[in-house]
PDB file of all heavy atoms in Angstrom:
ATOM      1  N   LYS A   1      72.133 147.599 116.198  1.00  0.00           N
ATOM      2  CA  LYS A   1      71.927 147.254 114.790  1.00  0.00           C
ATOM      3  C   LYS A   1      70.574 146.606 114.563  1.00  0.00           C
ATOM      4  O   LYS A   1      70.369 145.948 113.566  1.00  0.00           O
ATOM      5  CB  LYS A   1      73.041 146.326 114.329  1.00  0.00           C
ATOM      6  CG  LYS A   1      74.389 147.006 114.381  1.00  0.00           C
ATOM      7  CD  LYS A   1      75.496 146.132 113.902  1.00  0.00           C
ATOM      8  CE  LYS A   1      76.761 146.961 113.911  1.00  0.00           C
ATOM      9  NZ  LYS A   1      77.925 146.334 114.269  1.00  0.00           N
ATOM     10  N   LYS A   2      69.653 146.745 115.480  1.00  0.00           N
ATOM     11  CA  LYS A   2      68.366 146.053 115.423  1.00  0.00           C
ATOM     12  C   LYS A   2      67.434 146.665 114.413  1.00  0.00           C
ATOM     13  O   LYS A   2      67.069 147.811 114.508  1.00  0.00           O
ATOM     14  CB  LYS A   2      67.715 146.107 116.814  1.00  0.00           C
ATOM     15  CG  LYS A   2      66.310 145.574 116.876  1.00  0.00           C
ATOM     16  CD  LYS A   2      66.306 144.087 117.124  1.00  0.00           C
ATOM     17  CE  LYS A   2      64.939 143.621 117.517  1.00  0.00           C
ATOM     18  NZ  LYS A   2      64.192 143.075 116.445  1.00  0.00           N
ATOM     19  N   GLY A   3      67.061 145.910 113.413  1.00  0.00           N
ATOM     20  CA  GLY A   3      65.962 146.237 112.508  1.00  0.00           C
ATOM     21  C   GLY A   3      66.142 147.498 111.673  1.00  0.00           C
ATOM     22  O   GLY A   3      67.036 148.271 111.856  1.00  0.00           O
ATOM     23  N   MET A   4      65.237 147.652 110.738  1.00  0.00           N
ATOM     24  CA  MET A   4      65.221 148.819 109.860  1.00  0.00           C
ATOM     25  C   MET A   4      64.836 150.078 110.629  1.00  0.00           C
ATOM     26  O   MET A   4      65.273 151.167 110.291  1.00  0.00           O
ATOM     27  CB  MET A   4      64.255 148.594 108.697  1.00  0.00           C
ATOM     28  CG  MET A   4      64.735 147.585 107.687  1.00  0.00           C
ATOM     29  SD  MET A   4      66.313 148.034 106.950  1.00  0.00           S
ATOM     30  CE  MET A   4      65.836 149.505 106.044  1.00  0.00           C
ATOM     31  N   GLY A   5      64.024 149.945 111.667  1.00  0.00           N
ATOM     32  CA  GLY A   5      63.592 151.103 112.434  1.00  0.00           C
ATOM     33  C   GLY A   5      64.756 151.859 113.020  1.00  0.00           C
ATOM     34  O   GLY A   5      64.892 153.071 112.834  1.00  0.00           O
ATOM     35  N   LEU A   6      65.649 151.169 113.727  1.00  0.00           N
ATOM     36  CA  LEU A   6      66.813 151.825 114.304  1.00  0.00           C
ATOM     37  C   LEU A   6      67.788 152.271 113.245  1.00  0.00           C
ATOM     38  O   LEU A   6      68.467 153.290 113.405  1.00  0.00           O
ATOM     39  CB  LEU A   6      67.507 150.944 115.345  1.00  0.00           C
ATOM     40  CG  LEU A   6      66.856 150.930 116.723  1.00  0.00           C
ATOM     41  CD1 LEU A   6      67.577 149.994 117.680  1.00  0.00           C
ATOM     42  CD2 LEU A   6      66.806 152.309 117.327  1.00  0.00           C
ATOM     43  N   SER A   7      67.880 151.550 112.147  1.00  0.00           N
ATOM     44  CA  SER A   7      68.737 151.960 111.042  1.00  0.00           C
ATOM     45  C   SER A   7      68.274 153.313 110.479  1.00  0.00           C
ATOM     46  O   SER A   7      69.080 154.212 110.248  1.00  0.00           O
ATOM     47  CB  SER A   7      68.759 150.889 109.957  1.00  0.00           C
ATOM     48  OG  SER A   7      69.484 151.329 108.846  1.00  0.00           O
ATOM     49  N   SER A   8      66.982 153.450 110.282  1.00  0.00           N
ATOM     50  CA  SER A   8      66.423 154.690 109.798  1.00  0.00           C
ATOM     51  C   SER A   8      66.625 155.817 110.791  1.00  0.00           C
ATOM     52  O   SER A   8      66.957 156.947 110.407  1.00  0.00           O
ATOM     53  CB  SER A   8      64.912 154.477 109.553  1.00  0.00           C
ATOM     54  OG  SER A   8      64.281 155.685 109.267  1.00  0.00           O
ATOM     55  N   ILE A   9      66.487 155.504 112.077  1.00  0.00           N
ATOM     56  CA  ILE A   9      66.688 156.516 113.119  1.00  0.00           C
ATOM     57  C   ILE A   9      68.143 156.961 113.135  1.00  0.00           C
ATOM     58  O   ILE A   9      68.443 158.158 113.229  1.00  0.00           O
ATOM     59  CB  ILE A   9      66.247 155.960 114.477  1.00  0.00           C
ATOM     60  CG1 ILE A   9      64.720 155.856 114.508  1.00  0.00           C
ATOM     61  CG2 ILE A   9      66.755 156.848 115.624  1.00  0.00           C
ATOM     62  CD1 ILE A   9      64.177 155.048 115.659  1.00  0.00           C
ATOM     63  N   ARG A  10      69.063 156.039 113.006  1.00  0.00           N
ATOM     64  CA  ARG A  10      70.496 156.387 112.983  1.00  0.00           C
ATOM     65  C   ARG A  10      70.816 157.306 111.799  1.00  0.00           C
ATOM     66  O   ARG A  10      71.589 158.245 111.935  1.00  0.00           O
ATOM     67  CB  ARG A  10      71.341 155.122 112.942  1.00  0.00           C
ATOM     68  CG  ARG A  10      71.365 154.405 114.263  1.00  0.00           C
ATOM     69  CD  ARG A  10      72.380 153.282 114.280  1.00  0.00           C
ATOM     70  NE  ARG A  10      72.248 152.514 115.494  1.00  0.00           N
ATOM     71  CZ  ARG A  10      72.648 152.898 116.699  1.00  0.00           C
ATOM     72  NH1 ARG A  10      73.216 154.044 116.859  1.00  0.00           N
ATOM     73  NH2 ARG A  10      72.476 152.123 117.761  1.00  0.00           N
ATOM     74  N   LYS A  11      70.215 157.043 110.654  1.00  0.00           N
ATOM     75  CA  LYS A  11      70.426 157.906 109.483  1.00  0.00           C
ATOM     76  C   LYS A  11      69.908 159.315 109.749  1.00  0.00           C
ATOM     77  O   LYS A  11      70.553 160.303 109.405  1.00  0.00           O
ATOM     78  CB  LYS A  11      69.761 157.314 108.244  1.00  0.00           C
ATOM     79  CG  LYS A  11      70.491 156.105 107.691  1.00  0.00           C
ATOM     80  CD  LYS A  11      69.766 155.540 106.505  1.00  0.00           C
ATOM     81  CE  LYS A  11      70.446 154.257 106.040  1.00  0.00           C
ATOM     82  NZ  LYS A  11      69.698 153.595 104.968  1.00  0.00           N
ATOM     83  N   ARG A  12      68.734 159.412 110.335  1.00  0.00           N
ATOM     84  CA  ARG A  12      68.170 160.732 110.671  1.00  0.00           C
ATOM     85  C   ARG A  12      69.048 161.467 111.679  1.00  0.00           C
ATOM     86  O   ARG A  12      69.292 162.663 111.566  1.00  0.00           O
ATOM     87  CB  ARG A  12      66.752 160.622 111.219  1.00  0.00           C
ATOM     88  CG  ARG A  12      65.726 160.293 110.174  1.00  0.00           C
ATOM     89  CD  ARG A  12      64.327 160.345 110.804  1.00  0.00           C
ATOM     90  NE  ARG A  12      63.331 159.917 109.879  1.00  0.00           N
ATOM     91  CZ  ARG A  12      62.709 160.711 109.002  1.00  0.00           C
ATOM     92  NH1 ARG A  12      63.006 161.988 108.957  1.00  0.00           N
ATOM     93  NH2 ARG A  12      61.785 160.242 108.206  1.00  0.00           N
ATOM     94  N   MET A  13      69.531 160.712 112.675  1.00  0.00           N
ATOM     95  CA  MET A  13      70.387 161.318 113.695  1.00  0.00           C
ATOM     96  C   MET A  13      71.659 161.875 113.074  1.00  0.00           C
ATOM     97  O   MET A  13      72.087 162.977 113.385  1.00  0.00           O
ATOM     98  CB  MET A  13      70.731 160.301 114.775  1.00  0.00           C
ATOM     99  CG  MET A  13      69.587 159.850 115.628  1.00  0.00           C
ATOM    100  SD  MET A  13      68.906 161.168 116.652  1.00  0.00           S
ATOM    101  CE  MET A  13      70.275 161.432 117.763  1.00  0.00           C
ATOM    102  N   LYS A  14      72.235 161.113 112.164  1.00  0.00           N
ATOM    103  CA  LYS A  14      73.459 161.572 111.491  1.00  0.00           C
ATOM    104  C   LYS A  14      73.191 162.812 110.688  1.00  0.00           C
ATOM    105  O   LYS A  14      73.989 163.763 110.667  1.00  0.00           O
ATOM    106  CB  LYS A  14      74.005 160.456 110.595  1.00  0.00           C
ATOM    107  CG  LYS A  14      75.327 160.776 109.966  1.00  0.00           C
ATOM    108  CD  LYS A  14      75.885 159.606 109.177  1.00  0.00           C
ATOM    109  CE  LYS A  14      77.225 159.964 108.581  1.00  0.00           C
ATOM    110  NZ  LYS A  14      77.807 158.884 107.808  1.00  0.00           N
ATOM    111  N   ALA A  15      72.044 162.873 110.022  1.00  0.00           N
ATOM    112  CA  ALA A  15      71.679 164.021 109.170  1.00  0.00           C
ATOM    113  C   ALA A  15      71.559 165.317 109.987  1.00  0.00           C
ATOM    114  O   ALA A  15      71.826 166.393 109.465  1.00  0.00           O
ATOM    115  CB  ALA A  15      70.375 163.740 108.438  1.00  0.00           C
ATOM    116  N   ILE A  16      71.173 165.206 111.248  1.00  0.00           N
ATOM    117  CA  ILE A  16      70.994 166.412 112.058  1.00  0.00           C
ATOM    118  C   ILE A  16      72.036 166.549 113.157  1.00  0.00           C
ATOM    119  O   ILE A  16      71.895 167.393 114.028  1.00  0.00           O
ATOM    120  CB  ILE A  16      69.558 166.524 112.608  1.00  0.00           C
ATOM    121  CG1 ILE A  16      69.187 165.292 113.438  1.00  0.00           C
ATOM    122  CG2 ILE A  16      68.569 166.738 111.490  1.00  0.00           C
ATOM    123  CD1 ILE A  16      67.805 165.370 114.073  1.00  0.00           C
ATOM    124  N   GLY A  17      73.066 165.714 113.126  1.00  0.00           N
ATOM    125  CA  GLY A  17      74.207 165.878 114.024  1.00  0.00           C
ATOM    126  C   GLY A  17      73.946 165.501 115.471  1.00  0.00           C
ATOM    127  O   GLY A  17      74.554 166.067 116.389  1.00  0.00           O
ATOM    128  N   GLY A  18      73.081 164.535 115.708  1.00  0.00           N
ATOM    129  CA  GLY A  18      72.803 164.093 117.069  1.00  0.00           C
ATOM    130  C   GLY A  18      73.533 162.819 117.419  1.00  0.00           C
ATOM    131  O   GLY A  18      74.072 162.138 116.559  1.00  0.00           O
ATOM    132  N   SER A  19      73.572 162.500 118.711  1.00  0.00           N
ATOM    133  CA  SER A  19      74.138 161.244 119.167  1.00  0.00           C
ATOM    134  C   SER A  19      73.009 160.367 119.727  1.00  0.00           C
ATOM    135  O   SER A  19      72.010 160.869 120.213  1.00  0.00           O
ATOM    136  CB  SER A  19      75.209 161.459 120.216  1.00  0.00           C
ATOM    137  OG  SER A  19      74.672 162.067 121.373  1.00  0.00           O
ATOM    138  N   LEU A  20      73.201 159.051 119.634  1.00  0.00           N
ATOM    139  CA  LEU A  20      72.150 158.097 120.008  1.00  0.00           C
ATOM    140  C   LEU A  20      72.764 156.966 120.802  1.00  0.00           C
ATOM    141  O   LEU A  20      73.825 156.449 120.456  1.00  0.00           O
ATOM    142  CB  LEU A  20      71.519 157.540 118.733  1.00  0.00           C
ATOM    143  CG  LEU A  20      70.514 156.404 118.881  1.00  0.00           C
ATOM    144  CD1 LEU A  20      69.174 156.929 119.393  1.00  0.00           C
ATOM    145  CD2 LEU A  20      70.306 155.707 117.545  1.00  0.00           C
ATOM    146  N   SER A  21      72.106 156.570 121.893  1.00  0.00           N
ATOM    147  CA  SER A  21      72.510 155.375 122.595  1.00  0.00           C
ATOM    148  C   SER A  21      71.274 154.536 122.897  1.00  0.00           C
ATOM    149  O   SER A  21      70.182 155.076 123.126  1.00  0.00           O
ATOM    150  CB  SER A  21      73.284 155.696 123.884  1.00  0.00           C
ATOM    151  OG  SER A  21      72.435 156.311 124.830  1.00  0.00           O
ATOM    152  N   VAL A  22      71.444 153.232 122.816  1.00  0.00           N
ATOM    153  CA  VAL A  22      70.358 152.277 123.021  1.00  0.00           C
ATOM    154  C   VAL A  22      70.778 151.338 124.137  1.00  0.00           C
ATOM    155  O   VAL A  22      71.839 150.747 124.101  1.00  0.00           O
ATOM    156  CB  VAL A  22      70.087 151.451 121.743  1.00  0.00           C
ATOM    157  CG1 VAL A  22      68.972 150.441 121.964  1.00  0.00           C
ATOM    158  CG2 VAL A  22      69.780 152.372 120.570  1.00  0.00           C
ATOM    159  N   GLU A  23      69.915 151.221 125.145  1.00  0.00           N
ATOM    160  CA  GLU A  23      70.125 150.254 126.218  1.00  0.00           C
ATOM    161  C   GLU A  23      68.875 149.392 126.310  1.00  0.00           C
ATOM    162  O   GLU A  23      67.768 149.897 126.332  1.00  0.00           O
ATOM    163  CB  GLU A  23      70.362 150.948 127.544  1.00  0.00           C
ATOM    164  CG  GLU A  23      71.663 151.730 127.613  1.00  0.00           C
ATOM    165  CD  GLU A  23      71.891 152.367 128.957  1.00  0.00           C
ATOM    166  OE1 GLU A  23      71.270 151.942 129.968  1.00  0.00           O
ATOM    167  OE2 GLU A  23      72.704 153.309 129.034  1.00  0.00           O
ATOM    168  N   SER A  24      69.088 148.087 126.356  1.00  0.00           N
ATOM    169  CA  SER A  24      67.964 147.178 126.419  1.00  0.00           C
ATOM    170  C   SER A  24      68.336 145.973 127.271  1.00  0.00           C
ATOM    171  O   SER A  24      69.425 145.431 127.140  1.00  0.00           O
ATOM    172  CB  SER A  24      67.579 146.716 125.006  1.00  0.00           C
ATOM    173  OG  SER A  24      66.424 145.896 125.096  1.00  0.00           O
ATOM    174  N   VAL A  25      67.415 145.606 128.137  1.00  0.00           N
ATOM    175  CA  VAL A  25      67.578 144.419 128.952  1.00  0.00           C
ATOM    176  C   VAL A  25      66.418 143.481 128.611  1.00  0.00           C
ATOM    177  O   VAL A  25      65.261 143.844 128.809  1.00  0.00           O
ATOM    178  CB  VAL A  25      67.558 144.761 130.469  1.00  0.00           C
ATOM    179  CG1 VAL A  25      67.644 143.515 131.305  1.00  0.00           C
ATOM    180  CG2 VAL A  25      68.664 145.759 130.807  1.00  0.00           C
ATOM    181  N   PRO A  26      66.721 142.290 128.048  1.00  0.00           N
ATOM    182  CA  PRO A  26      65.651 141.365 127.712  1.00  0.00           C
ATOM    183  C   PRO A  26      64.711 141.147 128.896  1.00  0.00           C
ATOM    184  O   PRO A  26      65.145 140.868 130.007  1.00  0.00           O
ATOM    185  CB  PRO A  26      66.381 140.099 127.307  1.00  0.00           C
ATOM    186  CG  PRO A  26      67.716 140.601 126.783  1.00  0.00           C
ATOM    187  CD  PRO A  26      68.042 141.774 127.686  1.00  0.00           C
ATOM    188  N   GLY A  27      63.427 141.347 128.659  1.00  0.00           N
ATOM    189  CA  GLY A  27      62.427 141.193 129.696  1.00  0.00           C
ATOM    190  C   GLY A  27      62.260 142.406 130.581  1.00  0.00           C
ATOM    191  O   GLY A  27      61.388 142.423 131.443  1.00  0.00           O
ATOM    192  N   ASP A  28      63.064 143.440 130.373  1.00  0.00           N
ATOM    193  CA  ASP A  28      63.002 144.597 131.277  1.00  0.00           C
ATOM    194  C   ASP A  28      63.041 145.930 130.541  1.00  0.00           C
ATOM    195  O   ASP A  28      63.460 146.945 131.077  1.00  0.00           O
ATOM    196  CB  ASP A  28      64.159 144.526 132.290  1.00  0.00           C
ATOM    197  CG  ASP A  28      63.903 145.382 133.526  1.00  0.00           C
ATOM    198  OD1 ASP A  28      62.711 145.642 133.828  1.00  0.00           O
ATOM    199  OD2 ASP A  28      64.880 145.834 134.148  1.00  0.00           O
ATOM    200  N   GLY A  29      62.654 145.956 129.282  1.00  0.00           N
ATOM    201  CA  GLY A  29      62.467 147.212 128.562  1.00  0.00           C
ATOM    202  C   GLY A  29      63.657 147.723 127.810  1.00  0.00           C
ATOM    203  O   GLY A  29      64.739 147.132 127.804  1.00  0.00           O
ATOM    204  N   THR A  30      63.434 148.854 127.154  1.00  0.00           N
ATOM    205  CA  THR A  30      64.423 149.490 126.308  1.00  0.00           C
ATOM    206  C   THR A  30      64.431 150.983 126.590  1.00  0.00           C
ATOM    207  O   THR A  30      63.382 151.577 126.841  1.00  0.00           O
ATOM    208  CB  THR A  30      64.100 149.249 124.818  1.00  0.00           C
ATOM    209  OG1 THR A  30      64.101 147.836 124.593  1.00  0.00           O
ATOM    210  CG2 THR A  30      65.111 149.893 123.909  1.00  0.00           C
TER     211      THR A  30
END
């Protein structure tokens, strides 16, 4: 649920029928 950027991406993904997963480790990338 991070920021407007991912919110916008989730909307685009839904529009084109894709799935999305986000993995992030603080200090070790996304």
